[in-house]
Amino acid sequence: MEAERIEHFYTEKDYYNLPDNVRAELIDGKFYDMASPSRIHQELVSFFIKNIGNYVDSKDGPCKIYPGPFAVKLFNDEKTIVEPDISVICDPDKLTDRGCSGAPDWIVEIISPSNHTHDYVRKLSLYAKAGVREYWIVDPLRKEIFTYFFHESPFPNSYTFADKVKVNIYDDLWIDFQELERSLNPS
């Protein structure tokens, strides 16, 4: 008789016991390694932090912005903890000493060549199911942005780095990707 393969599932405890030099996300009890960010990835994170941070500061509201690594426990279970590139949380009750417990209002993921399926499929489904209000996928190689506003439609809007993109969770915030292009390619 062939031995049955027993699949091991990990928990929140395993996630918090990972060595400091290991970057991984825990989704449905399985670990997914995270690639080291490239320079353009870091440029994009800085661009978002600056733009969103300035807006949030000017409104003096409850929203907070956190760059990854930042642990987000999407569900009330011990088998899923993700680390979005950018998390915007407007409910201070969701913030814990370890990160966020519950769905952020807005998540931005910046695609790495090695993880595009992870962000376009697995995390898209996960974030929609968890109740994330808005999800952006930014592809620096293709210079494309896909925005999902789950309360209005399950389908994305598509933009390029030549566009000014409306943030749906706010009434008056637009992200101008031409600013990013100018900072990356100064004349």
N, C-alpha and C. Protein backbone atom coordinates (compact mmCIF):
# COMPACT_ATOMS: atom_id res chain seq x y z
N MET A 1 0.84 -1.18 0.00
CA MET A 1 0.00 0.00 0.00
C MET A 1 0.89 1.25 0.00
N GLU A 2 0.50 2.19 -0.81
CA GLU A 2 1.26 3.44 -0.92
C GLU A 2 1.01 4.31 0.30
N ALA A 3 2.06 4.87 0.84
CA ALA A 3 1.92 5.74 2.02
C ALA A 3 1.18 7.01 1.63
N GLU A 4 0.25 7.39 2.47
CA GLU A 4 -0.49 8.64 2.22
C GLU A 4 0.42 9.82 2.51
N ARG A 5 0.33 10.81 1.66
CA ARG A 5 1.11 12.03 1.87
C ARG A 5 0.32 12.93 2.82
N ILE A 6 0.94 13.26 3.92
CA ILE A 6 0.29 14.14 4.89
C ILE A 6 0.79 15.56 4.66
N GLU A 7 -0.14 16.42 4.38
CA GLU A 7 0.21 17.82 4.12
C GLU A 7 0.24 18.57 5.45
N HIS A 8 1.30 19.34 5.65
CA HIS A 8 1.45 20.11 6.88
C HIS A 8 0.89 21.52 6.68
N PHE A 9 0.10 21.96 7.64
CA PHE A 9 -0.41 23.31 7.61
C PHE A 9 0.21 24.10 8.74
N TYR A 10 0.56 25.35 8.44
CA TYR A 10 1.21 26.22 9.42
C TYR A 10 0.19 27.17 10.02
N THR A 11 0.57 27.78 11.14
CA THR A 11 -0.32 28.70 11.84
C THR A 11 0.38 30.02 12.10
N GLU A 12 -0.37 30.92 12.70
CA GLU A 12 0.15 32.23 13.10
C GLU A 12 1.40 32.08 13.97
N LYS A 13 1.40 31.11 14.85
CA LYS A 13 2.57 30.88 15.72
C LYS A 13 3.82 30.59 14.87
N ASP A 14 3.67 29.75 13.84
CA ASP A 14 4.80 29.46 12.95
C ASP A 14 5.26 30.72 12.22
N TYR A 15 4.29 31.53 11.78
CA TYR A 15 4.62 32.77 11.08
C TYR A 15 5.49 33.67 11.96
N TYR A 16 5.08 33.87 13.21
CA TYR A 16 5.83 34.76 14.10
C TYR A 16 7.13 34.15 14.61
N ASN A 17 7.34 32.87 14.35
CA ASN A 17 8.59 32.22 14.73
C ASN A 17 9.56 32.08 13.56
N LEU A 18 9.23 32.65 12.40
CA LEU A 18 10.15 32.61 11.28
C LEU A 18 11.42 33.39 11.63
N PRO A 19 12.58 32.96 11.13
CA PRO A 19 13.81 33.74 11.35
C PRO A 19 13.67 35.14 10.76
N ASP A 20 14.37 36.09 11.35
CA ASP A 20 14.29 37.48 10.90
C ASP A 20 14.65 37.67 9.43
N ASN A 21 15.50 36.81 8.89
CA ASN A 21 15.96 36.98 7.51
C ASN A 21 15.05 36.29 6.49
N VAL A 22 13.93 35.72 6.95
CA VAL A 22 13.00 35.04 6.05
C VAL A 22 11.76 35.90 5.87
N ARG A 23 11.42 36.19 4.60
CA ARG A 23 10.20 36.94 4.29
C ARG A 23 9.23 35.98 3.63
N ALA A 24 8.07 35.81 4.26
CA ALA A 24 7.05 34.91 3.73
C ALA A 24 5.68 35.36 4.19
N GLU A 25 4.67 34.95 3.44
CA GLU A 25 3.29 35.19 3.82
C GLU A 25 2.65 33.83 4.10
N LEU A 26 1.70 33.84 5.00
CA LEU A 26 0.97 32.63 5.37
C LEU A 26 -0.44 32.75 4.81
N ILE A 27 -0.78 31.88 3.87
CA ILE A 27 -2.11 31.92 3.25
C ILE A 27 -2.71 30.53 3.30
N ASP A 28 -3.84 30.44 3.98
CA ASP A 28 -4.54 29.15 4.15
C ASP A 28 -3.61 28.06 4.67
N GLY A 29 -2.75 28.43 5.62
CA GLY A 29 -1.89 27.45 6.27
C GLY A 29 -0.64 27.08 5.50
N LYS A 30 -0.37 27.75 4.39
CA LYS A 30 0.83 27.47 3.59
C LYS A 30 1.69 28.72 3.51
N PHE A 31 3.00 28.52 3.56
CA PHE A 31 3.92 29.64 3.42
C PHE A 31 4.23 29.90 1.96
N TYR A 32 4.29 31.20 1.60
CA TYR A 32 4.69 31.63 0.27
C TYR A 32 5.85 32.60 0.45
N ASP A 33 7.01 32.24 -0.13
CA ASP A 33 8.19 33.10 -0.02
C ASP A 33 7.95 34.41 -0.75
N MET A 34 8.57 35.45 -0.23
CA MET A 34 8.47 36.78 -0.85
C MET A 34 9.84 37.16 -1.41
N ALA A 35 9.83 37.69 -2.61
CA ALA A 35 11.07 38.12 -3.26
C ALA A 35 11.60 39.38 -2.59
N SER A 36 12.91 39.53 -2.63
CA SER A 36 13.51 40.78 -2.15
C SER A 36 13.10 41.89 -3.10
N PRO A 37 12.72 43.06 -2.57
CA PRO A 37 12.26 44.13 -3.45
C PRO A 37 13.39 44.73 -4.29
N SER A 38 13.06 45.07 -5.53
CA SER A 38 14.01 45.73 -6.43
C SER A 38 14.05 47.23 -6.12
N ARG A 39 14.93 47.93 -6.78
CA ARG A 39 15.02 49.38 -6.60
C ARG A 39 13.73 50.07 -7.05
N ILE A 40 13.19 49.67 -8.21
CA ILE A 40 11.96 50.31 -8.70
C ILE A 40 10.79 50.01 -7.75
N HIS A 41 10.79 48.84 -7.19
CA HIS A 41 9.76 48.48 -6.20
C HIS A 41 9.84 49.47 -5.03
N GLN A 42 11.02 49.72 -4.54
CA GLN A 42 11.21 50.63 -3.42
C GLN A 42 10.87 52.07 -3.80
N GLU A 43 11.18 52.45 -5.05
CA GLU A 43 10.80 53.78 -5.55
C GLU A 43 9.28 53.94 -5.51
N LEU A 44 8.59 52.89 -5.94
CA LEU A 44 7.12 52.94 -5.94
C LEU A 44 6.57 53.01 -4.52
N VAL A 45 7.12 52.23 -3.61
CA VAL A 45 6.68 52.29 -2.22
C VAL A 45 6.86 53.70 -1.68
N SER A 46 8.02 54.30 -1.92
CA SER A 46 8.29 55.67 -1.46
C SER A 46 7.31 56.66 -2.08
N PHE A 47 7.03 56.50 -3.36
CA PHE A 47 6.10 57.36 -4.08
C PHE A 47 4.71 57.30 -3.43
N PHE A 48 4.23 56.09 -3.15
CA PHE A 48 2.92 55.93 -2.52
C PHE A 48 2.91 56.49 -1.10
N ILE A 49 3.93 56.19 -0.33
CA ILE A 49 3.99 56.68 1.05
C ILE A 49 3.93 58.20 1.06
N LYS A 50 4.70 58.83 0.17
CA LYS A 50 4.72 60.30 0.11
C LYS A 50 3.34 60.85 -0.27
N ASN A 51 2.77 60.34 -1.35
CA ASN A 51 1.50 60.87 -1.84
C ASN A 51 0.33 60.59 -0.89
N ILE A 52 0.21 59.37 -0.44
CA ILE A 52 -0.89 59.03 0.45
C ILE A 52 -0.66 59.67 1.82
N GLY A 53 0.57 59.63 2.29
CA GLY A 53 0.89 60.22 3.59
C GLY A 53 0.59 61.70 3.65
N ASN A 54 0.98 62.43 2.61
CA ASN A 54 0.69 63.88 2.57
C ASN A 54 -0.81 64.13 2.59
N TYR A 55 -1.56 63.34 1.83
CA TYR A 55 -3.01 63.48 1.80
C TYR A 55 -3.62 63.20 3.18
N VAL A 56 -3.26 62.06 3.76
CA VAL A 56 -3.81 61.66 5.06
C VAL A 56 -3.48 62.71 6.13
N ASP A 57 -2.24 63.20 6.11
CA ASP A 57 -1.83 64.23 7.08
C ASP A 57 -2.66 65.51 6.90
N SER A 58 -2.94 65.89 5.64
CA SER A 58 -3.69 67.12 5.39
C SER A 58 -5.13 67.02 5.85
N LYS A 59 -5.67 65.82 5.91
CA LYS A 59 -7.07 65.62 6.31
C LYS A 59 -7.22 65.41 7.81
N ASP A 60 -6.11 65.13 8.48
CA ASP A 60 -6.12 64.94 9.93
C ASP A 60 -7.20 63.94 10.37
N GLY A 61 -7.34 62.87 9.58
CA GLY A 61 -8.35 61.85 9.89
C GLY A 61 -7.74 60.64 10.56
N PRO A 62 -8.52 59.58 10.69
CA PRO A 62 -8.07 58.40 11.42
C PRO A 62 -7.21 57.44 10.60
N CYS A 63 -7.12 57.63 9.28
CA CYS A 63 -6.41 56.67 8.45
C CYS A 63 -4.91 56.69 8.71
N LYS A 64 -4.32 55.50 8.63
CA LYS A 64 -2.87 55.33 8.79
C LYS A 64 -2.37 54.54 7.59
N ILE A 65 -1.14 54.83 7.17
CA ILE A 65 -0.53 54.13 6.04
C ILE A 65 0.70 53.39 6.54
N TYR A 66 0.82 52.13 6.12
CA TYR A 66 1.94 51.30 6.55
C TYR A 66 2.56 50.60 5.34
N PRO A 67 3.88 50.77 5.16
CA PRO A 67 4.57 50.01 4.11
C PRO A 67 4.94 48.62 4.65
N GLY A 68 5.09 47.67 3.72
CA GLY A 68 5.56 46.34 4.11
C GLY A 68 7.03 46.39 4.48
N PRO A 69 7.48 45.50 5.31
CA PRO A 69 6.72 44.41 5.90
C PRO A 69 5.83 44.90 7.03
N PHE A 70 4.55 44.55 6.93
CA PHE A 70 3.55 44.91 7.92
C PHE A 70 2.53 43.78 7.94
N ALA A 71 2.43 43.09 9.05
CA ALA A 71 1.59 41.90 9.15
C ALA A 71 0.11 42.27 9.16
N VAL A 72 -0.65 41.66 8.25
CA VAL A 72 -2.09 41.87 8.17
C VAL A 72 -2.76 40.50 8.32
N LYS A 73 -3.46 40.35 9.42
CA LYS A 73 -4.22 39.13 9.68
C LYS A 73 -5.64 39.40 9.18
N LEU A 74 -5.93 38.91 7.98
CA LEU A 74 -7.17 39.26 7.30
C LEU A 74 -8.43 38.69 7.95
N PHE A 75 -8.32 37.50 8.49
CA PHE A 75 -9.49 36.80 9.03
C PHE A 75 -9.27 36.47 10.50
N ASN A 76 -10.33 36.11 11.16
CA ASN A 76 -10.23 35.72 12.56
C ASN A 76 -9.87 34.23 12.63
N ASP A 77 -8.72 33.90 12.08
CA ASP A 77 -8.21 32.53 12.14
C ASP A 77 -6.70 32.61 12.33
N GLU A 78 -6.05 31.51 12.38
CA GLU A 78 -4.59 31.51 12.59
C GLU A 78 -3.84 31.01 11.37
N LYS A 79 -4.48 31.02 10.19
CA LYS A 79 -3.82 30.43 9.04
C LYS A 79 -3.54 31.39 7.89
N THR A 80 -3.85 32.69 8.06
CA THR A 80 -3.59 33.64 6.97
C THR A 80 -3.08 34.96 7.52
N ILE A 81 -1.83 35.28 7.17
CA ILE A 81 -1.22 36.58 7.48
C ILE A 81 -0.43 37.01 6.23
N VAL A 82 -0.79 38.16 5.69
CA VAL A 82 -0.12 38.67 4.50
C VAL A 82 0.67 39.93 4.86
N GLU A 83 1.55 40.32 3.93
CA GLU A 83 2.36 41.53 4.11
C GLU A 83 2.26 42.38 2.84
N PRO A 84 1.17 43.14 2.70
CA PRO A 84 1.03 43.99 1.51
C PRO A 84 2.14 45.03 1.43
N ASP A 85 2.40 45.49 0.21
CA ASP A 85 3.42 46.54 0.05
C ASP A 85 2.97 47.84 0.70
N ILE A 86 1.68 48.16 0.56
CA ILE A 86 1.10 49.35 1.20
C ILE A 86 -0.25 48.95 1.78
N SER A 87 -0.47 49.30 3.03
CA SER A 87 -1.77 49.08 3.68
C SER A 87 -2.26 50.41 4.22
N VAL A 88 -3.51 50.75 3.91
CA VAL A 88 -4.14 51.93 4.46
C VAL A 88 -5.29 51.44 5.33
N ILE A 89 -5.22 51.78 6.62
CA ILE A 89 -6.22 51.33 7.59
C ILE A 89 -6.86 52.57 8.21
N CYS A 90 -8.19 52.65 8.11
CA CYS A 90 -8.92 53.81 8.61
C CYS A 90 -9.68 53.53 9.90
N ASP A 91 -9.66 52.30 10.36
CA ASP A 91 -10.30 51.91 11.62
C ASP A 91 -9.21 51.62 12.64
N PRO A 92 -8.96 52.55 13.57
CA PRO A 92 -7.86 52.35 14.53
C PRO A 92 -8.03 51.10 15.40
N ASP A 93 -9.27 50.60 15.53
CA ASP A 93 -9.49 49.39 16.32
C ASP A 93 -8.90 48.15 15.68
N LYS A 94 -8.56 48.23 14.39
CA LYS A 94 -7.94 47.09 13.71
C LYS A 94 -6.43 47.01 13.95
N LEU A 95 -5.84 48.08 14.46
CA LEU A 95 -4.40 48.11 14.66
C LEU A 95 -4.02 47.42 15.96
N THR A 96 -2.99 46.58 15.88
CA THR A 96 -2.49 45.85 17.04
C THR A 96 -0.99 46.10 17.15
N ASP A 97 -0.38 45.60 18.20
CA ASP A 97 1.07 45.72 18.33
C ASP A 97 1.80 44.98 17.22
N ARG A 98 1.17 43.97 16.66
CA ARG A 98 1.81 43.16 15.61
C ARG A 98 1.47 43.62 14.20
N GLY A 99 0.49 44.50 14.04
CA GLY A 99 0.10 44.95 12.71
C GLY A 99 -1.36 45.29 12.64
N CYS A 100 -2.08 44.59 11.76
CA CYS A 100 -3.50 44.85 11.52
C CYS A 100 -4.27 43.55 11.66
N SER A 101 -5.39 43.62 12.35
CA SER A 101 -6.27 42.47 12.49
C SER A 101 -7.60 42.82 11.83
N GLY A 102 -7.80 42.29 10.63
CA GLY A 102 -8.96 42.62 9.83
C GLY A 102 -8.51 43.20 8.49
N ALA A 103 -9.46 43.45 7.62
CA ALA A 103 -9.15 43.93 6.28
C ALA A 103 -8.81 45.42 6.27
N PRO A 104 -7.65 45.79 5.70
CA PRO A 104 -7.38 47.21 5.49
C PRO A 104 -8.40 47.80 4.51
N ASP A 105 -8.51 49.11 4.51
CA ASP A 105 -9.42 49.78 3.57
C ASP A 105 -8.87 49.76 2.15
N TRP A 106 -7.54 49.89 2.04
CA TRP A 106 -6.90 49.96 0.73
C TRP A 106 -5.58 49.23 0.81
N ILE A 107 -5.33 48.38 -0.18
CA ILE A 107 -4.05 47.67 -0.28
C ILE A 107 -3.47 47.92 -1.65
N VAL A 108 -2.16 48.18 -1.69
CA VAL A 108 -1.42 48.31 -2.94
C VAL A 108 -0.35 47.21 -2.94
N GLU A 109 -0.34 46.42 -4.01
CA GLU A 109 0.71 45.43 -4.22
C GLU A 109 1.49 45.81 -5.46
N ILE A 110 2.82 45.78 -5.34
CA ILE A 110 3.71 46.09 -6.45
C ILE A 110 4.26 44.75 -6.94
N ILE A 111 4.02 44.47 -8.20
CA ILE A 111 4.35 43.17 -8.79
C ILE A 111 5.85 43.00 -8.93
N SER A 112 6.32 41.83 -8.53
CA SER A 112 7.68 41.38 -8.83
C SER A 112 7.54 40.30 -9.90
N PRO A 113 8.51 40.19 -10.80
CA PRO A 113 8.39 39.19 -11.87
C PRO A 113 8.14 37.77 -11.34
N SER A 114 8.67 37.47 -10.17
CA SER A 114 8.54 36.12 -9.63
C SER A 114 7.21 35.86 -8.92
N ASN A 115 6.40 36.92 -8.68
CA ASN A 115 5.17 36.69 -7.90
C ASN A 115 3.91 37.22 -8.57
N HIS A 116 3.91 37.43 -9.87
CA HIS A 116 2.76 38.08 -10.50
C HIS A 116 1.46 37.28 -10.33
N THR A 117 1.50 35.96 -10.43
CA THR A 117 0.30 35.16 -10.25
C THR A 117 -0.22 35.28 -8.82
N HIS A 118 0.69 35.36 -7.89
CA HIS A 118 0.34 35.48 -6.47
C HIS A 118 -0.54 36.72 -6.24
N ASP A 119 -0.15 37.86 -6.81
CA ASP A 119 -0.88 39.11 -6.60
C ASP A 119 -2.12 39.23 -7.49
N TYR A 120 -2.02 38.77 -8.75
CA TYR A 120 -3.14 38.89 -9.69
C TYR A 120 -4.26 37.90 -9.42
N VAL A 121 -3.95 36.76 -8.81
CA VAL A 121 -4.98 35.73 -8.63
C VAL A 121 -5.22 35.43 -7.15
N ARG A 122 -4.22 34.87 -6.50
CA ARG A 122 -4.40 34.41 -5.11
C ARG A 122 -4.78 35.55 -4.18
N LYS A 123 -4.01 36.62 -4.20
CA LYS A 123 -4.28 37.72 -3.27
C LYS A 123 -5.52 38.53 -3.68
N LEU A 124 -5.78 38.64 -4.97
CA LEU A 124 -6.99 39.31 -5.43
C LEU A 124 -8.21 38.64 -4.82
N SER A 125 -8.28 37.34 -4.92
CA SER A 125 -9.40 36.59 -4.37
C SER A 125 -9.45 36.72 -2.84
N LEU A 126 -8.31 36.62 -2.22
CA LEU A 126 -8.22 36.71 -0.76
C LEU A 126 -8.69 38.08 -0.26
N TYR A 127 -8.24 39.14 -0.90
CA TYR A 127 -8.60 40.49 -0.46
C TYR A 127 -10.08 40.77 -0.68
N ALA A 128 -10.62 40.31 -1.79
CA ALA A 128 -12.06 40.50 -2.04
C ALA A 128 -12.87 39.76 -0.98
N LYS A 129 -12.49 38.55 -0.68
CA LYS A 129 -13.19 37.73 0.32
C LYS A 129 -13.09 38.34 1.72
N ALA A 130 -11.95 38.94 2.04
CA ALA A 130 -11.71 39.51 3.38
C ALA A 130 -12.45 40.82 3.61
N GLY A 131 -12.88 41.49 2.53
CA GLY A 131 -13.58 42.77 2.69
C GLY A 131 -12.72 44.00 2.50
N VAL A 132 -11.53 43.84 1.87
CA VAL A 132 -10.72 45.01 1.52
C VAL A 132 -11.57 45.86 0.58
N ARG A 133 -11.64 47.15 0.83
CA ARG A 133 -12.49 48.00 0.00
C ARG A 133 -11.88 48.28 -1.37
N GLU A 134 -10.57 48.55 -1.39
CA GLU A 134 -9.90 48.91 -2.64
C GLU A 134 -8.56 48.20 -2.72
N TYR A 135 -8.26 47.67 -3.91
CA TYR A 135 -7.02 46.93 -4.13
C TYR A 135 -6.40 47.39 -5.43
N TRP A 136 -5.12 47.80 -5.37
CA TRP A 136 -4.39 48.20 -6.56
C TRP A 136 -3.24 47.23 -6.80
N ILE A 137 -3.09 46.84 -8.05
CA ILE A 137 -1.95 46.03 -8.48
C ILE A 137 -1.13 46.92 -9.41
N VAL A 138 0.12 47.15 -9.05
CA VAL A 138 0.99 48.02 -9.83
C VAL A 138 2.10 47.17 -10.43
N ASP A 139 2.20 47.20 -11.76
CA ASP A 139 3.20 46.43 -12.48
C ASP A 139 4.25 47.38 -13.05
N PRO A 140 5.42 47.48 -12.39
CA PRO A 140 6.43 48.45 -12.85
C PRO A 140 7.05 48.10 -14.20
N LEU A 141 7.11 46.82 -14.56
CA LEU A 141 7.71 46.45 -15.85
C LEU A 141 6.81 46.84 -17.00
N ARG A 142 5.52 46.64 -16.85
CA ARG A 142 4.57 46.99 -17.90
C ARG A 142 4.03 48.41 -17.76
N LYS A 143 4.36 49.04 -16.64
CA LYS A 143 3.89 50.39 -16.33
C LYS A 143 2.37 50.45 -16.37
N GLU A 144 1.74 49.47 -15.69
CA GLU A 144 0.28 49.37 -15.63
C GLU A 144 -0.19 49.35 -14.18
N ILE A 145 -1.41 49.84 -14.00
CA ILE A 145 -2.06 49.82 -12.69
C ILE A 145 -3.47 49.26 -12.90
N PHE A 146 -3.83 48.28 -12.10
CA PHE A 146 -5.18 47.75 -12.10
C PHE A 146 -5.79 48.08 -10.74
N THR A 147 -6.94 48.75 -10.77
CA THR A 147 -7.58 49.13 -9.51
C THR A 147 -8.92 48.41 -9.39
N TYR A 148 -9.13 47.87 -8.21
CA TYR A 148 -10.39 47.20 -7.89
C TYR A 148 -11.06 47.97 -6.77
N PHE A 149 -12.32 48.32 -6.96
CA PHE A 149 -13.12 48.91 -5.90
C PHE A 149 -14.28 47.94 -5.72
N PHE A 150 -14.08 47.00 -4.80
CA PHE A 150 -14.94 45.83 -4.69
C PHE A 150 -16.40 46.17 -4.37
N HIS A 151 -16.66 47.33 -3.76
CA HIS A 151 -18.04 47.70 -3.44
C HIS A 151 -18.85 48.07 -4.68
N GLU A 152 -18.15 48.41 -5.76
CA GLU A 152 -18.85 48.79 -6.99
C GLU A 152 -18.83 47.71 -8.06
N SER A 153 -17.70 46.98 -8.17
CA SER A 153 -17.57 46.01 -9.24
C SER A 153 -16.44 45.02 -8.94
N PRO A 154 -16.59 43.79 -9.39
CA PRO A 154 -15.48 42.83 -9.22
C PRO A 154 -14.44 42.97 -10.33
N PHE A 155 -14.69 43.88 -11.28
CA PHE A 155 -13.79 44.04 -12.42
C PHE A 155 -12.88 45.25 -12.21
N PRO A 156 -11.65 45.15 -12.72
CA PRO A 156 -10.71 46.25 -12.51
C PRO A 156 -10.85 47.36 -13.53
N ASN A 157 -10.34 48.53 -13.14
CA ASN A 157 -10.08 49.61 -14.08
C ASN A 157 -8.60 49.52 -14.39
N SER A 158 -8.23 49.81 -15.61
CA SER A 158 -6.84 49.68 -16.06
C SER A 158 -6.27 51.05 -16.40
N TYR A 159 -5.04 51.30 -15.93
CA TYR A 159 -4.36 52.58 -16.17
C TYR A 159 -2.90 52.32 -16.53
N THR A 160 -2.22 53.38 -16.95
CA THR A 160 -0.79 53.31 -17.23
C THR A 160 -0.08 54.35 -16.37
N PHE A 161 1.23 54.35 -16.45
CA PHE A 161 2.02 55.33 -15.71
C PHE A 161 1.91 56.73 -16.31
N ALA A 162 1.12 56.90 -17.36
CA ALA A 162 0.86 58.23 -17.94
C ALA A 162 -0.43 58.83 -17.37
N ASP A 163 -1.11 58.08 -16.50
CA ASP A 163 -2.43 58.49 -16.02
C ASP A 163 -2.40 59.06 -14.60
N LYS A 164 -3.48 59.78 -14.32
CA LYS A 164 -3.79 60.25 -12.98
C LYS A 164 -4.95 59.37 -12.52
N VAL A 165 -4.76 58.66 -11.38
CA VAL A 165 -5.71 57.62 -10.98
C VAL A 165 -6.44 58.04 -9.71
N LYS A 166 -7.76 57.91 -9.75
CA LYS A 166 -8.63 58.26 -8.61
C LYS A 166 -8.57 57.15 -7.55
N VAL A 167 -8.38 57.56 -6.30
CA VAL A 167 -8.46 56.64 -5.17
C VAL A 167 -9.92 56.65 -4.73
N ASN A 168 -10.58 55.52 -4.81
CA ASN A 168 -12.02 55.46 -4.57
C ASN A 168 -12.44 55.57 -3.12
N ILE A 169 -11.57 55.22 -2.18
CA ILE A 169 -11.98 55.30 -0.77
C ILE A 169 -11.99 56.74 -0.27
N TYR A 170 -11.44 57.66 -1.05
CA TYR A 170 -11.44 59.08 -0.70
C TYR A 170 -12.17 59.87 -1.78
N ASP A 171 -12.74 61.00 -1.40
CA ASP A 171 -13.47 61.83 -2.36
C ASP A 171 -12.56 62.62 -3.28
N ASP A 172 -11.38 62.98 -2.79
CA ASP A 172 -10.58 63.95 -3.54
C ASP A 172 -9.09 63.61 -3.62
N LEU A 173 -8.76 62.31 -3.64
CA LEU A 173 -7.36 61.92 -3.79
C LEU A 173 -7.15 61.27 -5.15
N TRP A 174 -6.19 61.81 -5.87
CA TRP A 174 -5.77 61.27 -7.16
C TRP A 174 -4.27 61.02 -7.07
N ILE A 175 -3.81 59.92 -7.64
CA ILE A 175 -2.37 59.62 -7.70
C ILE A 175 -1.93 59.87 -9.14
N ASP A 176 -1.00 60.82 -9.31
CA ASP A 176 -0.52 61.20 -10.63
C ASP A 176 0.76 60.42 -10.94
N PHE A 177 0.63 59.39 -11.76
CA PHE A 177 1.78 58.55 -12.08
C PHE A 177 2.78 59.25 -12.99
N GLN A 178 2.40 60.36 -13.62
CA GLN A 178 3.37 61.12 -14.40
C GLN A 178 4.44 61.70 -13.47
N GLU A 179 4.07 62.04 -12.23
CA GLU A 179 5.05 62.49 -11.24
C GLU A 179 6.09 61.41 -11.00
N LEU A 180 5.65 60.17 -10.91
CA LEU A 180 6.56 59.06 -10.72
C LEU A 180 7.50 58.94 -11.92
N GLU A 181 6.95 59.01 -13.11
CA GLU A 181 7.76 58.92 -14.32
C GLU A 181 8.82 60.02 -14.36
N ARG A 182 8.41 61.25 -13.97
CA ARG A 182 9.37 62.36 -13.96
C ARG A 182 10.48 62.13 -12.94
N SER A 183 10.14 61.56 -11.78
CA SER A 183 11.17 61.35 -10.75
C SER A 183 12.10 60.21 -11.13
N LEU A 184 11.58 59.21 -11.88
CA LEU A 184 12.41 58.09 -12.30
C LEU A 184 13.29 58.45 -13.49
N ASN A 185 12.81 59.36 -14.34
CA ASN A 185 13.52 59.72 -15.56
C ASN A 185 13.69 61.23 -15.66
N PRO A 186 14.48 61.83 -14.76
CA PRO A 186 14.65 63.30 -14.83
C PRO A 186 15.39 63.69 -16.10
N SER A 187 14.96 64.82 -16.70
CA SER A 187 15.61 65.25 -17.94
C SER A 187 16.75 66.17 -17.70
